Each structure stands twice: as C-alpha cells, then as structure tokens.
Amino acid sequence: QKILASIDTRTLSVALKACPSSVFENVMNNLSARVREMVTDEKELLGAMPMNEVLVARSEIMSAVRALMDSGEFSPARAGEQLVD
C-alpha cells in the first residue's frame, strides 16, 4: 500500500493496462475505494494506447519501488521465505 500511495493515479492506470486479471485485482484490492474508482475511471478514459507507454508507466513504478527500498521504507519478502508475526 505504501508503494501504491507513492504512485500517481494516471501512471497506475496506464501500468494496469494489459496486465493479468489477478494482478489487476490484487492492486485494486490494496487501494482505497476513492482511489480505486479514480484508477478505474481513468483507465477507461485513456482508451487504447501503445504498449510502449504502458511499459514506461511500469518502469516508473519500478523506479518508485527501488527508491523506497533504497530509503529503507520497503523491504520485499524473499521468495520462499517464511513470514511470522
């Protein structure tokens, strides 16, 4: 959610184009109702667009993730790593 909060809704809307439905649902389930509605509306308003623009938006998101990781604000779980409370 911290990652999603740091990303512009237009960038997120573009990045979600042509993604698997499981990814779309996972992202949408981590947004507030208001932001979810904004992203859905913007995604529909954007219409068809070149895949290159989608890839640029996804790259911007990955840059935001890397910045959060570098600052220590986000630490992804390792694949297969057991998480405990």
Protein backbone atom coordinates (compact mmCIF):
# COMPACT_ATOMS: atom_id res chain seq x y z
CA GLN A 1 0.00 0.00 0.00
CA LYS A 2 2.92 2.32 0.69
CA ILE A 3 4.15 1.77 -2.87
CA LEU A 4 0.71 2.40 -4.36
CA ALA A 5 0.33 5.59 -2.32
CA SER A 6 3.53 6.98 -3.82
CA ILE A 7 2.38 6.49 -7.43
CA ASP A 8 0.33 8.93 -9.49
CA THR A 9 -3.12 7.53 -10.39
CA ARG A 10 -2.57 8.16 -14.11
CA THR A 11 0.69 6.21 -14.05
CA LEU A 12 -1.00 3.37 -12.19
CA SER A 13 -3.95 3.40 -14.61
CA VAL A 14 -1.64 3.13 -17.61
CA ALA A 15 0.52 0.46 -15.98
CA LEU A 16 -2.53 -1.72 -15.28
CA LYS A 17 -3.46 -1.90 -18.94
CA ALA A 18 -2.87 -5.35 -20.46
CA CYS A 19 -1.94 -6.90 -17.11
CA PRO A 20 -3.33 -10.26 -15.97
CA SER A 21 -6.64 -10.01 -14.13
CA SER A 22 -5.05 -11.49 -10.98
CA VAL A 23 -2.53 -8.62 -10.87
CA PHE A 24 -5.24 -6.05 -11.54
CA GLU A 25 -7.44 -7.43 -8.74
CA ASN A 26 -4.53 -7.60 -6.29
CA VAL A 27 -3.59 -3.97 -6.92
CA MET A 28 -7.19 -2.77 -6.79
CA ASN A 29 -7.80 -4.60 -3.50
CA ASN A 30 -4.96 -2.61 -1.96
CA LEU A 31 -6.41 0.78 -2.88
CA SER A 32 -8.97 2.85 -1.02
CA ALA A 33 -12.46 2.92 -2.55
CA ARG A 34 -11.94 6.52 -3.73
CA VAL A 35 -8.59 5.81 -5.42
CA ARG A 36 -9.91 2.53 -6.86
CA GLU A 37 -12.74 4.46 -8.53
CA MET A 38 -10.32 7.11 -9.84
CA VAL A 39 -7.99 4.47 -11.32
CA THR A 40 -10.87 2.55 -12.91
CA ASP A 41 -12.35 5.70 -14.44
CA GLU A 42 -9.02 6.94 -15.72
CA LYS A 43 -8.13 3.54 -17.19
CA GLU A 44 -11.39 3.54 -19.15
CA LEU A 45 -10.98 7.16 -20.28
CA LEU A 46 -7.47 6.51 -21.58
CA GLY A 47 -8.73 4.00 -24.12
CA ALA A 48 -6.32 2.04 -26.28
CA MET A 49 -2.71 3.08 -26.09
CA PRO A 50 0.66 1.86 -27.34
CA MET A 51 2.26 -0.90 -25.27
CA ASN A 52 5.40 1.25 -25.13
CA GLU A 53 3.54 3.80 -22.96
CA VAL A 54 2.36 1.00 -20.67
CA LEU A 55 5.94 -0.23 -20.28
CA VAL A 56 7.14 3.30 -19.48
CA ALA A 57 4.50 3.58 -16.73
CA ARG A 58 5.52 0.19 -15.32
CA SER A 59 9.15 1.34 -15.36
CA GLU A 60 8.19 4.46 -13.38
CA ILE A 61 6.52 2.25 -10.77
CA MET A 62 9.61 0.06 -10.50
CA SER A 63 11.72 3.20 -10.01
CA ALA A 64 9.43 4.23 -7.15
CA VAL A 65 9.77 0.76 -5.61
CA ARG A 66 13.56 0.91 -5.88
CA ALA A 67 13.58 4.37 -4.26
CA LEU A 68 11.51 3.07 -1.33
CA MET A 69 13.83 0.08 -0.99
CA ASP A 70 16.93 2.30 -1.07
CA SER A 71 15.47 4.55 1.64
CA GLY A 72 14.66 1.51 3.79
CA GLU A 73 10.91 2.22 3.74
CA PHE A 74 10.14 -1.03 1.90
CA SER A 75 11.71 -4.45 2.13
CA PRO A 76 10.23 -7.18 -0.08
CA ALA A 77 9.87 -10.70 1.29
CA ARG A 78 12.20 -13.20 -0.33
CA ALA A 79 10.64 -16.00 -2.38
CA GLY A 80 10.04 -18.98 -0.15
CA GLU A 81 10.90 -17.03 2.98
CA GLN A 82 8.62 -17.86 5.89
CA LEU A 83 6.91 -14.82 7.43
CA VAL A 84 5.96 -14.74 11.09
CA ASP A 85 4.03 -12.33 13.31
